[in-house]
Amino acid sequence: MRTDNFVPETAFSDAVALYLFDRRLRVLLADALERIEVSLRVEVAYRLGRLDTFAHLHEDNFHPSFRNKRDPRSGATVFTAWQQKYQGLVQRSREDFVKHYREKHGPDMPLWVAIEVWDFGAVSQLLAMMKVPDQQAVAARYGVDDWKLFASWVRALSYLRNLVAHHSRVWNRNMVSYPIPPSSTWPGWGMAFESRQDLLTKPFLQLAMVRHLVEVICPGSTWPARMAAHLKAFPDQASKRQLSIADMGAPEGWEDWWLPEDRQ
């Protein structure tokens, strides 16, 4: 049970060290999530762009069961809500290319221009409305066999990205948006989390998802090694209550699969 009182024999220096650890964690995540966001934009735009120059504006390009779901509060369909979000992003944009295109060619931007104003949330929502073969193709591009699983990854990482962007604590947060539980549909490293419901809402699982995607998008990247080094440098505790990366949801033996053998 949480109270307003400090745990006895707690050192303030530990709070400072944990804050600095979390700050560096968010810096590393911001680097990786930027790469993932840009890559997802390209993949989604490639799939939709084969259908229509303005595919993102036409609901027939999306799966009817997904696009027609309704928000219980507003009553609007998911597709309508996405259009409103997208138009809001366009209106708020101060990019010269947006102003130039709209002045020269009109209000509707083609897909390859529109993707530049999408944020992670917009990409996640658009992916979730796409037809199943398109979602499956995107998932396969990232080494995930199950399109539903991949959609849950992207949704969870959109939430993580918002935490990072708003400088919120990450290291031991209870993640309210989390993926489909690890099972045989996951990549091999998911076995470390299988049947561990207690780890599902911990941030380490999402760090592992980020690591997987970075390895696919940027083979040979130093990011996994930099993140591993940071995790291993978890601050020593002066307080009686000892914390560790296990409090982040790190399973035993995570170092064995985190890095490819040639970089361990």
C-alpha atoms as a PDB file:
ATOM      1  CA  MET A   1       0.000   0.000   0.000  1.00  0.00           C
ATOM      2  CA  ARG A   2       1.318   3.426  -0.976  1.00  0.00           C
ATOM      3  CA  THR A   3       1.462   6.141   1.711  1.00  0.00           C
ATOM      4  CA  ASP A   4       2.709   9.722   1.948  1.00  0.00           C
ATOM      5  CA  ASN A   5       5.498   8.668   4.304  1.00  0.00           C
ATOM      6  CA  PHE A   6       9.040   7.820   3.324  1.00  0.00           C
ATOM      7  CA  VAL A   7      10.138   4.235   3.874  1.00  0.00           C
ATOM      8  CA  PRO A   8      12.417   4.145   6.962  1.00  0.00           C
ATOM      9  CA  GLU A   9      16.140   4.394   6.239  1.00  0.00           C
ATOM     10  CA  THR A  10      15.590   5.921   2.806  1.00  0.00           C
ATOM     11  CA  ALA A  11      18.413   7.993   1.295  1.00  0.00           C
ATOM     12  CA  PHE A  12      17.564  11.075  -0.736  1.00  0.00           C
ATOM     13  CA  SER A  13      20.663  10.414  -2.845  1.00  0.00           C
ATOM     14  CA  ASP A  14      18.926   7.305  -4.190  1.00  0.00           C
ATOM     15  CA  ALA A  15      16.003   9.382  -5.465  1.00  0.00           C
ATOM     16  CA  VAL A  16      18.442  11.649  -7.307  1.00  0.00           C
ATOM     17  CA  ALA A  17      20.339   8.687  -8.785  1.00  0.00           C
ATOM     18  CA  LEU A  18      17.105   7.049  -9.950  1.00  0.00           C
ATOM     19  CA  TYR A  19      15.962  10.309 -11.537  1.00  0.00           C
ATOM     20  CA  LEU A  20      19.230  10.567 -13.469  1.00  0.00           C
ATOM     21  CA  PHE A  21      18.980   6.900 -14.484  1.00  0.00           C
ATOM     22  CA  ASP A  22      15.449   7.476 -15.758  1.00  0.00           C
ATOM     23  CA  ARG A  23      16.459  10.631 -17.594  1.00  0.00           C
ATOM     24  CA  ARG A  24      19.192   8.788 -19.502  1.00  0.00           C
ATOM     25  CA  LEU A  25      16.742   5.939 -20.160  1.00  0.00           C
ATOM     26  CA  ARG A  26      14.328   8.394 -21.787  1.00  0.00           C
ATOM     27  CA  VAL A  27      17.088   9.928 -23.904  1.00  0.00           C
ATOM     28  CA  LEU A  28      18.005   6.484 -25.247  1.00  0.00           C
ATOM     29  CA  LEU A  29      14.353   5.624 -25.885  1.00  0.00           C
ATOM     30  CA  ALA A  30      13.745   8.917 -27.703  1.00  0.00           C
ATOM     31  CA  ASP A  31      16.579   8.036 -30.096  1.00  0.00           C
ATOM     32  CA  ALA A  32      15.166   4.576 -30.852  1.00  0.00           C
ATOM     33  CA  LEU A  33      11.494   5.576 -31.013  1.00  0.00           C
ATOM     34  CA  GLU A  34      12.297   8.289 -33.551  1.00  0.00           C
ATOM     35  CA  ARG A  35      13.800   5.665 -35.869  1.00  0.00           C
ATOM     36  CA  ILE A  36      10.822   3.363 -35.354  1.00  0.00           C
ATOM     37  CA  GLU A  37       8.297   6.138 -36.002  1.00  0.00           C
ATOM     38  CA  VAL A  38       9.951   7.201 -39.259  1.00  0.00           C
ATOM     39  CA  SER A  39      10.224   3.601 -40.440  1.00  0.00           C
ATOM     40  CA  LEU A  40       6.561   2.914 -39.666  1.00  0.00           C
ATOM     41  CA  ARG A  41       5.488   6.014 -41.584  1.00  0.00           C
ATOM     42  CA  VAL A  42       7.339   4.756 -44.630  1.00  0.00           C
ATOM     43  CA  GLU A  43       5.970   1.198 -44.397  1.00  0.00           C
ATOM     44  CA  VAL A  44       2.354   2.316 -43.926  1.00  0.00           C
ATOM     45  CA  ALA A  45       2.626   4.894 -46.696  1.00  0.00           C
ATOM     46  CA  TYR A  46       4.185   2.338 -49.066  1.00  0.00           C
ATOM     47  CA  ARG A  47       1.329  -0.136 -48.546  1.00  0.00           C
ATOM     48  CA  LEU A  48      -1.416   2.467 -48.869  1.00  0.00           C
ATOM     49  CA  GLY A  49       0.293   4.433 -51.633  1.00  0.00           C
ATOM     50  CA  ARG A  50       0.032   1.463 -54.000  1.00  0.00           C
ATOM     51  CA  LEU A  51      -3.750   1.810 -53.753  1.00  0.00           C
ATOM     52  CA  ASP A  52      -4.276   5.529 -54.105  1.00  0.00           C
ATOM     53  CA  THR A  53      -2.365   8.806 -54.028  1.00  0.00           C
ATOM     54  CA  PHE A  54      -4.802  10.017 -51.358  1.00  0.00           C
ATOM     55  CA  ALA A  55      -5.433   6.618 -49.753  1.00  0.00           C
ATOM     56  CA  HIS A  56      -5.387   8.056 -46.222  1.00  0.00           C
ATOM     57  CA  LEU A  57      -8.448  10.195 -47.028  1.00  0.00           C
ATOM     58  CA  HIS A  58     -10.669   7.457 -48.477  1.00  0.00           C
ATOM     59  CA  GLU A  59     -12.289   5.032 -46.052  1.00  0.00           C
ATOM     60  CA  ASP A  60     -12.776   2.332 -48.698  1.00  0.00           C
ATOM     61  CA  ASN A  61      -9.045   1.689 -48.501  1.00  0.00           C
ATOM     62  CA  PHE A  62      -9.424   0.403 -44.934  1.00  0.00           C
ATOM     63  CA  HIS A  63     -11.017  -2.641 -43.339  1.00  0.00           C
ATOM     64  CA  PRO A  64     -14.724  -1.911 -42.686  1.00  0.00           C
ATOM     65  CA  SER A  65     -14.748  -3.740 -39.342  1.00  0.00           C
ATOM     66  CA  PHE A  66     -11.851  -1.647 -38.066  1.00  0.00           C
ATOM     67  CA  ARG A  67     -12.681   1.738 -39.564  1.00  0.00           C
ATOM     68  CA  ASN A  68     -16.359   1.661 -38.498  1.00  0.00           C
ATOM     69  CA  LYS A  69     -15.785   1.052 -34.795  1.00  0.00           C
ATOM     70  CA  ARG A  70     -17.335   3.880 -32.791  1.00  0.00           C
ATOM     71  CA  ASP A  71     -16.023   5.913 -29.911  1.00  0.00           C
ATOM     72  CA  PRO A  72     -18.550   5.370 -27.082  1.00  0.00           C
ATOM     73  CA  ARG A  73     -18.208   8.992 -25.961  1.00  0.00           C
ATOM     74  CA  SER A  74     -18.381  10.888 -29.254  1.00  0.00           C
ATOM     75  CA  GLY A  75     -20.194   8.300 -31.385  1.00  0.00           C
ATOM     76  CA  ALA A  76     -17.761   9.034 -34.220  1.00  0.00           C
ATOM     77  CA  THR A  77     -16.243   6.166 -36.173  1.00  0.00           C
ATOM     78  CA  VAL A  78     -12.555   5.419 -35.737  1.00  0.00           C
ATOM     79  CA  PHE A  79     -11.947   6.601 -39.296  1.00  0.00           C
ATOM     80  CA  THR A  80     -13.719   9.917 -38.668  1.00  0.00           C
ATOM     81  CA  ALA A  81     -11.747  10.409 -35.455  1.00  0.00           C
ATOM     82  CA  TRP A  82      -8.503   9.742 -37.332  1.00  0.00           C
ATOM     83  CA  GLN A  83      -9.427  12.268 -40.015  1.00  0.00           C
ATOM     84  CA  GLN A  84     -10.073  14.868 -37.334  1.00  0.00           C
ATOM     85  CA  LYS A  85      -6.731  14.108 -35.703  1.00  0.00           C
ATOM     86  CA  TYR A  86      -4.944  14.265 -39.040  1.00  0.00           C
ATOM     87  CA  GLN A  87      -6.513  17.596 -39.998  1.00  0.00           C
ATOM     88  CA  GLY A  88      -5.541  18.951 -36.603  1.00  0.00           C
ATOM     89  CA  LEU A  89      -1.928  17.939 -37.220  1.00  0.00           C
ATOM     90  CA  VAL A  90      -2.006  19.672 -40.611  1.00  0.00           C
ATOM     91  CA  GLN A  91      -3.514  22.852 -39.183  1.00  0.00           C
ATOM     92  CA  ARG A  92      -0.974  23.030 -36.367  1.00  0.00           C
ATOM     93  CA  SER A  93       2.002  22.355 -38.641  1.00  0.00           C
ATOM     94  CA  ARG A  94       4.336  25.296 -39.240  1.00  0.00           C
ATOM     95  CA  GLU A  95       6.386  23.440 -41.832  1.00  0.00           C
ATOM     96  CA  ASP A  96       7.111  25.401 -45.012  1.00  0.00           C
ATOM     97  CA  PHE A  97       6.352  22.375 -47.213  1.00  0.00           C
ATOM     98  CA  VAL A  98       2.803  22.165 -45.802  1.00  0.00           C
ATOM     99  CA  LYS A  99       2.133  25.846 -46.456  1.00  0.00           C
ATOM    100  CA  HIS A 100       3.694  25.663 -49.920  1.00  0.00           C
ATOM    101  CA  TYR A 101       1.757  22.574 -51.000  1.00  0.00           C
ATOM    102  CA  ARG A 102      -1.590  23.851 -49.789  1.00  0.00           C
ATOM    103  CA  GLU A 103      -1.089  27.241 -51.437  1.00  0.00           C
ATOM    104  CA  LYS A 104      -0.022  25.712 -54.766  1.00  0.00           C
ATOM    105  CA  HIS A 105      -2.139  22.581 -54.973  1.00  0.00           C
ATOM    106  CA  GLY A 106      -5.062  22.815 -52.553  1.00  0.00           C
ATOM    107  CA  PRO A 107      -5.939  21.461 -49.104  1.00  0.00           C
ATOM    108  CA  ASP A 108      -5.519  17.715 -49.720  1.00  0.00           C
ATOM    109  CA  MET A 109      -1.950  16.491 -49.517  1.00  0.00           C
ATOM    110  CA  PRO A 110      -0.873  13.219 -51.190  1.00  0.00           C
ATOM    111  CA  LEU A 111       0.225  10.395 -48.955  1.00  0.00           C
ATOM    112  CA  TRP A 112       3.958  10.931 -49.374  1.00  0.00           C
ATOM    113  CA  VAL A 113       3.557  14.542 -48.210  1.00  0.00           C
ATOM    114  CA  ALA A 114       0.971  13.829 -45.502  1.00  0.00           C
ATOM    115  CA  ILE A 115       3.176  11.309 -43.678  1.00  0.00           C
ATOM    116  CA  GLU A 116       5.519  14.120 -42.671  1.00  0.00           C
ATOM    117  CA  VAL A 117       2.933  15.554 -40.267  1.00  0.00           C
ATOM    118  CA  TRP A 118       1.860  12.238 -38.716  1.00  0.00           C
ATOM    119  CA  ASP A 119       2.931  11.555 -35.147  1.00  0.00           C
ATOM    120  CA  PHE A 120       3.388   8.094 -33.617  1.00  0.00           C
ATOM    121  CA  GLY A 121      -0.228   8.003 -32.463  1.00  0.00           C
ATOM    122  CA  ALA A 122      -1.548   8.818 -35.935  1.00  0.00           C
ATOM    123  CA  VAL A 123       0.574   6.061 -37.479  1.00  0.00           C
ATOM    124  CA  SER A 124      -0.574   3.559 -34.857  1.00  0.00           C
ATOM    125  CA  GLN A 125      -4.248   4.367 -35.413  1.00  0.00           C
ATOM    126  CA  LEU A 126      -3.975   4.259 -39.198  1.00  0.00           C
ATOM    127  CA  LEU A 127      -2.161   0.914 -39.105  1.00  0.00           C
ATOM    128  CA  ALA A 128      -4.939  -0.518 -36.912  1.00  0.00           C
ATOM    129  CA  MET A 129      -7.545   0.379 -39.591  1.00  0.00           C
ATOM    130  CA  MET A 130      -5.689  -1.137 -42.536  1.00  0.00           C
ATOM    131  CA  LYS A 131      -6.895  -4.288 -44.254  1.00  0.00           C
ATOM    132  CA  VAL A 132      -5.533  -7.514 -42.796  1.00  0.00           C
ATOM    133  CA  PRO A 133      -3.190  -8.407 -45.715  1.00  0.00           C
ATOM    134  CA  ASP A 134      -1.635  -4.943 -45.450  1.00  0.00           C
ATOM    135  CA  GLN A 135      -1.228  -5.192 -41.688  1.00  0.00           C
ATOM    136  CA  GLN A 136       0.268  -8.666 -42.090  1.00  0.00           C
ATOM    137  CA  ALA A 137       2.758  -7.399 -44.667  1.00  0.00           C
ATOM    138  CA  VAL A 138       3.869  -4.570 -42.393  1.00  0.00           C
ATOM    139  CA  ALA A 139       4.216  -6.927 -39.413  1.00  0.00           C
ATOM    140  CA  ALA A 140       6.299  -9.368 -41.463  1.00  0.00           C
ATOM    141  CA  ARG A 141       8.611  -6.537 -42.455  1.00  0.00           C
ATOM    142  CA  TYR A 142       9.544  -6.258 -38.776  1.00  0.00           C
ATOM    143  CA  GLY A 143       9.940  -9.968 -38.125  1.00  0.00           C
ATOM    144  CA  VAL A 144       6.580 -10.454 -36.397  1.00  0.00           C
ATOM    145  CA  ASP A 145       4.361 -13.246 -37.724  1.00  0.00           C
ATOM    146  CA  ASP A 146       1.057 -12.140 -36.150  1.00  0.00           C
ATOM    147  CA  TRP A 147      -0.493  -8.871 -37.376  1.00  0.00           C
ATOM    148  CA  LYS A 148      -2.642  -8.551 -34.258  1.00  0.00           C
ATOM    149  CA  LEU A 149       0.446  -8.893 -32.091  1.00  0.00           C
ATOM    150  CA  PHE A 150       2.301  -6.272 -34.101  1.00  0.00           C
ATOM    151  CA  ALA A 151      -0.611  -3.831 -33.877  1.00  0.00           C
ATOM    152  CA  SER A 152      -0.537  -4.260 -30.101  1.00  0.00           C
ATOM    153  CA  TRP A 153       3.212  -3.524 -30.104  1.00  0.00           C
ATOM    154  CA  VAL A 154       2.730  -0.303 -32.033  1.00  0.00           C
ATOM    155  CA  ARG A 155      -0.143   0.786 -29.810  1.00  0.00           C
ATOM    156  CA  ALA A 156       1.934   0.138 -26.668  1.00  0.00           C
ATOM    157  CA  LEU A 157       4.967   1.925 -28.084  1.00  0.00           C
ATOM    158  CA  SER A 158       2.809   4.930 -28.975  1.00  0.00           C
ATOM    159  CA  TYR A 159       2.003   5.204 -25.254  1.00  0.00           C
ATOM    160  CA  LEU A 160       5.689   4.788 -24.373  1.00  0.00           C
ATOM    161  CA  ARG A 161       6.601   7.494 -26.857  1.00  0.00           C
ATOM    162  CA  ASN A 162       4.163   9.894 -25.171  1.00  0.00           C
ATOM    163  CA  LEU A 163       5.733   9.198 -21.783  1.00  0.00           C
ATOM    164  CA  VAL A 164       9.179   9.931 -23.192  1.00  0.00           C
ATOM    165  CA  ALA A 165       8.059  13.070 -25.042  1.00  0.00           C
ATOM    166  CA  HIS A 166       6.413  14.494 -21.910  1.00  0.00           C
ATOM    167  CA  HIS A 167       9.390  13.684 -19.655  1.00  0.00           C
ATOM    168  CA  SER A 168       7.356  11.287 -17.530  1.00  0.00           C
ATOM    169  CA  ARG A 169       8.963   8.623 -15.349  1.00  0.00           C
ATOM    170  CA  VAL A 170       9.496   5.363 -17.241  1.00  0.00           C
ATOM    171  CA  TRP A 171      11.834   3.043 -15.360  1.00  0.00           C
ATOM    172  CA  ASN A 172       9.316   1.492 -12.934  1.00  0.00           C
ATOM    173  CA  ARG A 173       6.020   2.771 -14.300  1.00  0.00           C
ATOM    174  CA  ASN A 174       2.923   0.615 -14.451  1.00  0.00           C
ATOM    175  CA  MET A 175       2.338   0.582 -18.228  1.00  0.00           C
ATOM    176  CA  VAL A 176      -1.380   1.058 -18.854  1.00  0.00           C
ATOM    177  CA  SER A 177      -0.951   0.225 -22.548  1.00  0.00           C
ATOM    178  CA  TYR A 178       0.738  -3.115 -23.114  1.00  0.00           C
ATOM    179  CA  PRO A 179       0.968  -5.747 -25.864  1.00  0.00           C
ATOM    180  CA  ILE A 180      -0.752  -9.083 -26.328  1.00  0.00           C
ATOM    181  CA  PRO A 181       0.812 -11.469 -23.754  1.00  0.00           C
ATOM    182  CA  PRO A 182       3.966 -13.265 -24.931  1.00  0.00           C
ATOM    183  CA  SER A 183       3.335 -16.663 -26.509  1.00  0.00           C
ATOM    184  CA  SER A 184       4.512 -18.778 -29.445  1.00  0.00           C
ATOM    185  CA  THR A 185       3.488 -15.975 -31.844  1.00  0.00           C
ATOM    186  CA  TRP A 186       6.262 -13.773 -30.474  1.00  0.00           C
ATOM    187  CA  PRO A 187       9.856 -13.716 -31.713  1.00  0.00           C
ATOM    188  CA  GLY A 188      12.061 -16.210 -29.868  1.00  0.00           C
ATOM    189  CA  TRP A 189      13.177 -13.829 -27.116  1.00  0.00           C
ATOM    190  CA  GLY A 190       9.533 -13.494 -26.030  1.00  0.00           C
ATOM    191  CA  MET A 191       9.904 -16.871 -24.289  1.00  0.00           C
ATOM    192  CA  ALA A 192      11.634 -15.039 -21.444  1.00  0.00           C
ATOM    193  CA  PHE A 193       8.327 -13.327 -20.663  1.00  0.00           C
ATOM    194  CA  GLU A 194       5.904 -16.165 -21.446  1.00  0.00           C
ATOM    195  CA  SER A 195       3.471 -17.017 -18.631  1.00  0.00           C
ATOM    196  CA  ARG A 196       4.826 -14.058 -16.656  1.00  0.00           C
ATOM    197  CA  GLN A 197       1.716 -11.925 -16.250  1.00  0.00           C
ATOM    198  CA  ASP A 198       3.589  -9.900 -13.610  1.00  0.00           C
ATOM    199  CA  LEU A 199       6.005  -8.645 -16.287  1.00  0.00           C
ATOM    200  CA  LEU A 200       3.393  -7.690 -18.884  1.00  0.00           C
ATOM    201  CA  THR A 201       2.790  -4.192 -17.523  1.00  0.00           C
ATOM    202  CA  LYS A 202       6.427  -3.497 -16.679  1.00  0.00           C
ATOM    203  CA  PRO A 203       8.541  -1.279 -18.957  1.00  0.00           C
ATOM    204  CA  PHE A 204      11.292  -3.816 -19.617  1.00  0.00           C
ATOM    205  CA  LEU A 205       9.079  -5.780 -22.000  1.00  0.00           C
ATOM    206  CA  GLN A 206       8.573  -2.644 -24.067  1.00  0.00           C
ATOM    207  CA  LEU A 207      12.304  -1.939 -24.008  1.00  0.00           C
ATOM    208  CA  ALA A 208      12.772  -5.422 -25.468  1.00  0.00           C
ATOM    209  CA  MET A 209      10.232  -4.659 -28.202  1.00  0.00           C
ATOM    210  CA  VAL A 210      12.122  -1.460 -29.036  1.00  0.00           C
ATOM    211  CA  ARG A 211      15.393  -3.405 -29.174  1.00  0.00           C
ATOM    212  CA  HIS A 212      13.850  -5.918 -31.603  1.00  0.00           C
ATOM    213  CA  LEU A 213      12.575  -3.212 -33.942  1.00  0.00           C
ATOM    214  CA  VAL A 214      15.840  -1.270 -33.903  1.00  0.00           C
ATOM    215  CA  GLU A 215      17.711  -4.460 -34.844  1.00  0.00           C
ATOM    216  CA  VAL A 216      15.387  -4.864 -37.846  1.00  0.00           C
ATOM    217  CA  ILE A 217      15.408  -1.219 -38.934  1.00  0.00           C
ATOM    218  CA  CYS A 218      19.086  -0.477 -38.283  1.00  0.00           C
ATOM    219  CA  PRO A 219      21.073  -3.752 -38.391  1.00  0.00           C
ATOM    220  CA  GLY A 220      24.372  -3.328 -36.584  1.00  0.00           C
ATOM    221  CA  SER A 221      23.168  -0.309 -34.595  1.00  0.00           C
ATOM    222  CA  THR A 222      24.988   0.377 -31.330  1.00  0.00           C
ATOM    223  CA  TRP A 223      21.690   1.238 -29.642  1.00  0.00           C
ATOM    224  CA  PRO A 224      21.057  -2.226 -28.107  1.00  0.00           C
ATOM    225  CA  ALA A 225      24.573  -2.235 -26.616  1.00  0.00           C
ATOM    226  CA  ARG A 226      24.178   1.306 -25.293  1.00  0.00           C
ATOM    227  CA  MET A 227      20.865   0.429 -23.680  1.00  0.00           C
ATOM    228  CA  ALA A 228      22.285  -2.787 -22.199  1.00  0.00           C
ATOM    229  CA  ALA A 229      25.217  -0.855 -20.732  1.00  0.00           C
ATOM    230  CA  HIS A 230      22.821   1.660 -19.185  1.00  0.00           C
ATOM    231  CA  LEU A 231      20.643  -1.055 -17.677  1.00  0.00           C
ATOM    232  CA  LYS A 232      23.680  -2.793 -16.186  1.00  0.00           C
ATOM    233  CA  ALA A 233      24.716   0.550 -14.647  1.00  0.00           C
ATOM    234  CA  PHE A 234      21.551   0.691 -12.529  1.00  0.00           C
ATOM    235  CA  PRO A 235      22.510   2.830  -9.526  1.00  0.00           C
ATOM    236  CA  ASP A 236      23.614   1.187  -6.297  1.00  0.00           C
ATOM    237  CA  GLN A 237      21.247   1.840  -3.400  1.00  0.00           C
ATOM    238  CA  ALA A 238      22.160   3.427  -0.072  1.00  0.00           C
ATOM    239  CA  SER A 239      18.630   2.905   1.278  1.00  0.00           C
ATOM    240  CA  LYS A 240      17.576  -0.131   3.265  1.00  0.00           C
ATOM    241  CA  ARG A 241      15.083  -1.018   0.527  1.00  0.00           C
ATOM    242  CA  GLN A 242      17.136  -2.234  -2.418  1.00  0.00           C
ATOM    243  CA  LEU A 243      15.845  -1.650  -5.963  1.00  0.00           C
ATOM    244  CA  SER A 244      17.168  -3.125  -9.212  1.00  0.00           C
ATOM    245  CA  ILE A 245      16.217  -3.576 -12.858  1.00  0.00           C
ATOM    246  CA  ALA A 246      14.092  -6.492 -11.677  1.00  0.00           C
ATOM    247  CA  ASP A 247      11.704  -3.735 -10.552  1.00  0.00           C
ATOM    248  CA  MET A 248      11.501  -2.745 -14.235  1.00  0.00           C
ATOM    249  CA  GLY A 249      10.388  -6.272 -15.126  1.00  0.00           C
ATOM    250  CA  ALA A 250      13.744  -7.587 -16.344  1.00  0.00           C
ATOM    251  CA  PRO A 251      13.613 -11.413 -16.409  1.00  0.00           C
ATOM    252  CA  GLU A 252      16.569 -13.455 -15.246  1.00  0.00           C
ATOM    253  CA  GLY A 253      19.131 -14.060 -17.976  1.00  0.00           C
ATOM    254  CA  TRP A 254      18.010 -11.145 -20.165  1.00  0.00           C
ATOM    255  CA  GLU A 255      21.626 -10.409 -21.063  1.00  0.00           C
ATOM    256  CA  ASP A 256      21.831 -13.770 -22.878  1.00  0.00           C
ATOM    257  CA  TRP A 257      19.464 -12.717 -25.677  1.00  0.00           C
ATOM    258  CA  TRP A 258      19.629  -8.922 -25.609  1.00  0.00           C
ATOM    259  CA  LEU A 259      22.691  -8.644 -27.847  1.00  0.00           C
ATOM    260  CA  PRO A 260      23.586 -10.783 -30.878  1.00  0.00           C
ATOM    261  CA  GLU A 261      26.441 -13.192 -30.115  1.00  0.00           C
ATOM    262  CA  ASP A 262      28.908 -11.203 -32.222  1.00  0.00           C
ATOM    263  CA  ARG A 263      28.326  -8.128 -30.049  1.00  0.00           C
ATOM    264  CA  GLN A 264      28.231  -9.698 -26.597  1.00  0.00           C
END
